[in-house]
Protein backbone atom coordinates (compact mmCIF):
# COMPACT_ATOMS: atom_id res chain seq x y z
CA UNK A 1 0.00 0.00 0.00
CA UNK A 2 1.03 3.59 -0.68
CA UNK A 3 0.34 5.79 2.36
CA UNK A 4 -0.37 9.51 2.09
CA UNK A 5 -0.40 11.59 5.26
CA UNK A 6 -1.54 15.18 5.62
CA UNK A 7 -1.09 17.39 8.68
CA UNK A 8 -1.04 21.02 9.68
CA UNK A 9 2.22 21.00 11.65
CA UNK A 10 1.58 24.39 13.31
CA UNK A 11 5.23 25.34 12.83
CA UNK A 12 7.59 22.56 11.79
CA UNK A 13 10.34 23.55 14.23
CA UNK A 14 7.99 23.34 17.21
CA UNK A 15 6.49 20.12 15.85
CA UNK A 16 9.90 18.42 15.70
CA UNK A 17 10.76 19.61 19.18
CA UNK A 18 7.56 17.94 20.41
CA UNK A 19 7.97 14.61 18.61
CA UNK A 20 7.12 14.87 14.91
CA UNK A 21 10.41 13.23 13.96
CA UNK A 22 9.61 10.16 16.04
CA UNK A 23 6.13 10.07 14.55
CA UNK A 24 7.58 10.02 11.02
CA UNK A 25 9.89 7.15 11.90
CA UNK A 26 7.11 5.13 13.50
CA UNK A 27 4.40 5.82 10.93
CA UNK A 28 6.67 5.76 7.87
CA UNK A 29 4.26 7.22 5.26
CA UNK A 30 5.29 7.40 1.60
CA UNK A 31 4.18 11.02 1.24
CA UNK A 32 3.65 13.73 3.86
CA UNK A 33 1.67 16.84 2.93
CA UNK A 34 2.31 19.64 5.42
CA UNK A 35 0.69 22.99 6.11
CA UNK A 36 1.64 25.95 8.31
CA UNK A 37 5.28 24.99 7.97
CA UNK A 38 6.46 28.51 8.87
CA UNK A 39 10.14 27.94 8.09
CA UNK A 40 12.80 28.30 5.39
CA UNK A 41 13.85 25.63 2.89
CA UNK A 42 17.07 25.15 4.83
CA UNK A 43 15.25 24.50 8.10
CA UNK A 44 12.82 22.06 6.47
CA UNK A 45 15.71 20.13 4.87
CA UNK A 46 17.63 19.95 8.15
CA UNK A 47 14.63 18.70 10.12
CA UNK A 48 13.47 16.09 7.59
CA UNK A 49 16.94 14.69 7.04
CA UNK A 50 18.45 12.74 4.15
CA UNK A 51 15.65 10.18 3.88
CA UNK A 52 13.22 12.69 2.37
CA UNK A 53 12.94 14.78 -0.78
CA UNK A 54 10.70 17.81 -0.51
CA UNK A 55 9.22 20.83 -2.22
CA UNK A 56 8.14 23.83 -0.23
CA UNK A 57 6.72 27.28 -0.59
CA UNK A 58 7.09 29.64 2.33
CA UNK A 59 4.63 32.49 2.74
CA UNK A 60 5.97 35.91 1.77
CA UNK A 61 4.51 37.16 5.06
CA UNK A 62 7.04 36.04 7.64
CA UNK A 63 5.78 33.60 10.26
CA UNK A 64 2.61 32.62 8.39
CA UNK A 65 1.34 29.71 6.30
CA UNK A 66 3.83 27.69 4.23
CA UNK A 67 3.11 24.35 2.54
CA UNK A 68 5.39 21.40 1.78
CA UNK A 69 5.34 17.96 0.18
CA UNK A 70 7.83 15.39 1.48
CA UNK A 71 8.41 12.25 -0.60
CA UNK A 72 10.78 9.29 -0.56
CA UNK A 73 11.67 9.74 -4.24
CA UNK A 74 12.21 12.93 -6.20
CA UNK A 75 9.01 14.25 -7.79
CA UNK A 76 8.90 14.08 -11.57
CA UNK A 77 7.17 17.46 -11.87
CA UNK A 78 6.68 20.22 -9.30
CA UNK A 79 4.26 23.15 -9.44
CA UNK A 80 4.27 25.90 -6.84
CA UNK A 81 1.26 28.13 -6.26
CA UNK A 82 -2.15 28.26 -7.87
CA UNK A 83 -1.79 28.84 -11.62
CA UNK A 84 -4.86 31.07 -11.92
CA UNK A 85 -4.43 34.83 -11.84
CA UNK A 86 -5.29 36.90 -8.80
CA UNK A 87 -8.41 39.02 -8.80
CA UNK A 88 -7.03 42.50 -8.44
CA UNK A 89 -7.96 43.98 -5.08
CA UNK A 90 -9.40 40.77 -3.69
CA UNK A 91 -6.22 39.21 -2.32
CA UNK A 92 -2.84 40.72 -1.56
CA UNK A 93 -0.36 38.52 -3.48
CA UNK A 94 1.91 38.04 -0.46
CA UNK A 95 -0.97 36.78 1.69
CA UNK A 96 -1.86 34.18 -0.94
CA UNK A 97 1.60 32.56 -0.98
CA UNK A 98 2.53 29.42 0.95
CA UNK A 99 -0.90 27.87 0.37
CA UNK A 100 -0.77 25.53 -2.66
CA UNK A 101 1.86 23.22 -4.15
CA UNK A 102 1.63 20.20 -6.45
CA UNK A 103 3.89 17.26 -7.32
CA UNK A 104 3.58 14.52 -9.94
CA UNK A 105 5.05 11.27 -8.61
CA UNK A 106 6.23 8.29 -10.66
CA UNK A 107 5.12 5.10 -8.91
CA UNK A 108 7.05 1.80 -8.92
CA UNK A 109 4.47 0.09 -11.12
CA UNK A 110 4.75 2.81 -13.76
CA UNK A 111 1.60 4.70 -12.79
CA UNK A 112 1.56 8.38 -11.79
CA UNK A 113 -0.01 10.19 -8.86
CA UNK A 114 -0.50 13.93 -8.42
CA UNK A 115 -0.42 15.14 -4.83
CA UNK A 116 -1.39 18.61 -3.65
CA UNK A 117 -0.77 20.22 -0.28
CA UNK A 118 -3.14 23.10 0.40
CA UNK A 119 -3.71 25.50 3.25
CA UNK A 120 -6.88 27.55 2.83
CA UNK A 121 -7.20 30.90 4.58
CA UNK A 122 -8.92 30.67 7.96
CA UNK A 123 -10.79 33.95 7.53
CA UNK A 124 -12.62 36.07 10.07
CA UNK A 125 -16.36 36.55 9.60
CA UNK A 126 -17.39 40.07 8.63
CA UNK A 127 -13.85 41.29 7.84
CA UNK A 128 -11.67 41.72 4.74
CA UNK A 129 -10.01 38.41 5.65
CA UNK A 130 -13.18 36.63 4.56
CA UNK A 131 -12.96 38.39 1.19
CA UNK A 132 -9.42 37.03 0.88
CA UNK A 133 -10.64 33.55 1.74
CA UNK A 134 -13.45 33.59 -0.82
CA UNK A 135 -11.15 34.97 -3.53
CA UNK A 136 -8.66 32.19 -2.81
CA UNK A 137 -11.43 29.57 -2.85
CA UNK A 138 -12.54 30.86 -6.25
CA UNK A 139 -9.03 30.19 -7.55
CA UNK A 140 -9.10 26.73 -5.95
CA UNK A 141 -12.39 26.04 -7.78
CA UNK A 142 -10.68 26.68 -11.11
CA UNK A 143 -7.69 24.48 -10.34
CA UNK A 144 -9.81 21.61 -8.99
CA UNK A 145 -11.82 21.65 -12.20
CA UNK A 146 -8.59 21.46 -14.23
CA UNK A 147 -7.26 18.57 -12.15
CA UNK A 148 -10.54 16.67 -12.42
CA UNK A 149 -10.62 17.14 -16.18
CA UNK A 150 -7.01 15.91 -16.50
CA UNK A 151 -8.07 12.32 -15.88
CA UNK A 152 -5.12 11.80 -13.54
CA UNK A 153 -5.16 10.13 -10.14
CA UNK A 154 -5.05 13.10 -7.76
CA UNK A 155 -4.98 13.66 -4.00
CA UNK A 156 -5.72 17.21 -2.84
CA UNK A 157 -5.10 17.29 0.89
CA UNK A 158 -4.57 19.71 3.69
CA UNK A 159 -6.13 22.12 6.11
CA UNK A 160 -9.19 23.38 4.25
CA UNK A 161 -10.37 25.42 7.26
CA UNK A 162 -14.02 24.57 6.53
CA UNK A 163 -16.19 22.07 8.37
CA UNK A 164 -18.59 20.74 5.76
CA UNK A 165 -21.60 19.52 7.76
CA UNK A 166 -22.87 19.27 11.33
CA UNK A 167 -20.98 15.97 11.58
CA UNK A 168 -17.72 17.83 11.07
CA UNK A 169 -17.88 20.10 14.12
CA UNK A 170 -18.81 19.15 17.66
CA UNK A 171 -20.38 22.48 18.65
CA UNK A 172 -22.06 23.24 15.35
CA UNK A 173 -24.96 25.13 16.92
CA UNK A 174 -22.59 27.57 18.56
CA UNK A 175 -20.61 28.20 15.38
CA UNK A 176 -23.28 28.91 12.79
CA UNK A 177 -21.90 32.44 12.36
CA UNK A 178 -18.23 31.53 12.74
CA UNK A 179 -15.63 31.47 9.98
CA UNK A 180 -15.04 27.88 8.99
CA UNK A 181 -18.72 26.97 9.20
CA UNK A 182 -20.51 29.72 7.29
CA UNK A 183 -23.02 28.57 4.66
CA UNK A 184 -21.11 30.44 1.96
CA UNK A 185 -17.92 28.51 2.82
CA UNK A 186 -19.61 25.13 3.06
CA UNK A 187 -21.13 25.70 -0.39
CA UNK A 188 -17.65 25.48 -1.90
CA UNK A 189 -17.29 21.93 -0.59
CA UNK A 190 -20.77 21.11 -1.90
CA UNK A 191 -19.61 22.19 -5.32
CA UNK A 192 -16.40 20.14 -5.15
CA UNK A 193 -18.20 16.96 -4.16
CA UNK A 194 -20.92 17.49 -6.76
CA UNK A 195 -18.19 17.78 -9.41
CA UNK A 196 -16.79 14.37 -8.49
CA UNK A 197 -14.21 14.91 -5.75
CA UNK A 198 -14.45 12.27 -3.01
CA UNK A 199 -13.93 13.02 0.68
CA UNK A 200 -12.18 9.75 1.58
CA UNK A 201 -12.49 10.03 5.36
CA UNK A 202 -16.21 10.75 5.20
CA UNK A 203 -16.80 8.03 2.62
CA UNK A 204 -15.48 5.42 5.04
CA UNK A 205 -16.75 6.94 8.30
CA UNK A 206 -20.33 7.35 7.10
CA UNK A 207 -22.97 9.64 8.57
CA UNK A 208 -21.45 10.01 12.04
CA UNK A 209 -19.84 12.82 14.04
CA UNK A 210 -16.13 13.24 13.33
CA UNK A 211 -13.51 11.97 13.43
CA UNK A 212 -12.21 15.46 14.19
CA UNK A 213 -8.74 16.63 13.18
CA UNK A 214 -8.33 19.94 15.05
CA UNK A 215 -9.02 21.04 18.60
CA UNK A 216 -8.75 24.49 20.11
CA UNK A 217 -6.10 24.94 22.80
CA UNK A 218 -8.72 26.68 24.91
CA UNK A 219 -10.40 24.93 27.79
CA UNK A 220 -10.75 21.15 27.59
CA UNK A 221 -11.53 20.91 23.88
CA UNK A 222 -9.04 18.11 23.21
CA UNK A 223 -9.87 16.11 26.31
CA UNK A 224 -13.60 16.38 25.52
CA UNK A 225 -13.04 15.70 21.81
CA UNK A 226 -14.82 18.98 21.06
CA UNK A 227 -13.16 19.42 17.69
CA UNK A 228 -13.53 20.30 14.04
CA UNK A 229 -12.92 18.11 10.99
CA UNK A 230 -11.16 20.59 8.72
CA UNK A 231 -8.30 18.45 7.34
CA UNK A 232 -9.21 16.45 4.25
CA UNK A 233 -7.94 14.10 1.57
CA UNK A 234 -10.02 14.83 -1.53
CA UNK A 235 -9.41 12.42 -4.39
CA UNK A 236 -10.54 11.80 -7.93
CA UNK A 237 -13.15 9.05 -8.39
CA UNK A 238 -10.79 6.42 -9.83
CA UNK A 239 -8.37 6.90 -6.94
CA UNK A 240 -11.21 6.71 -4.41
CA UNK A 241 -11.76 3.11 -5.52
CA UNK A 242 -8.19 2.31 -4.49
CA UNK A 243 -8.38 3.99 -1.05
CA UNK A 244 -8.59 2.18 2.27
CA UNK A 245 -8.02 2.57 5.98
CA UNK A 246 -8.40 6.35 6.43
CA UNK A 247 -7.41 7.21 10.00
CA UNK A 248 -6.87 10.24 12.19
CA UNK A 249 -3.73 9.71 14.25
CA UNK A 250 -5.02 11.49 17.34
CA UNK A 251 -2.50 11.78 20.19
CA UNK A 252 -3.14 9.70 23.30
CA UNK A 253 -3.26 12.81 25.48
CA UNK A 254 -3.09 16.59 25.28
CA UNK A 255 0.50 16.74 26.49
CA UNK A 256 1.75 14.25 23.86
CA UNK A 257 0.50 16.24 20.86
CA UNK A 258 3.07 17.80 18.55
CA UNK A 259 0.47 19.97 16.76
CA UNK A 260 -3.03 21.25 17.45
CA UNK A 261 -4.05 19.21 14.37
CA UNK A 262 -3.87 15.43 14.10
CA UNK A 263 -2.50 13.76 10.95
CA UNK A 264 -4.95 12.19 8.52
CA UNK A 265 -3.55 9.11 6.75
CA UNK A 266 -5.01 7.08 3.88
CA UNK A 267 -3.68 3.96 2.15
CA UNK A 268 -3.93 3.63 -1.64
CA UNK A 269 -3.49 0.39 -3.58
CA UNK A 270 -1.09 1.69 -6.22
CA UNK A 271 1.23 -1.29 -6.52
């Protein structure tokens, strides 16, 4: 099986200090898609070590965002950033960096897989930050349509920063007006799924609450499993047929976490 992991590391330096390196050794995924890296290429290379190849785009705003793809073998093709033009005035170009990268991987059996690491804006309801989020999502719409039309096997994964349904957020009644659960945001996911993209974790979990992937550091959110499911692996239909064993690698306790997000891993039968 070919294992793809995605995780918002919440700062890769802090994550490695808290145990991410040991997690990589134990879990041993084939691909790791990371968000909120918040580091330079040199730091990422030093932390990952010689066993990994990677591509990375830091955000032009220091200390924010940053996405990376770590692989065992060098990617055949790498694409950094969304290819669609910015809507003038909707998003500051610097703010929109460090949020989308793609890699085409050659698989041992001769097949190819496209992997995407994405970090969608979090947004703040009723502020210009929501305008930035919607403008970015409009660009994502265009790229997802292109990837779907390509006929390739594709995984688009990362921190989408949107809980799709009531099953994806524990306190949904208290967050109906919160960024990340606004009807306008959730409609984007409706559109993606209607166009053919498959939410692998939800496909296997069924119509049940969770499993959540992010918990606020406030109060007892983690201990009470009062979380949000905002980290996804979205795949093309043909690849969905090859997926199995999606799992959220939730830490055993609050003090053993190395990020406020938990990794989402999926196995794909690509041999």
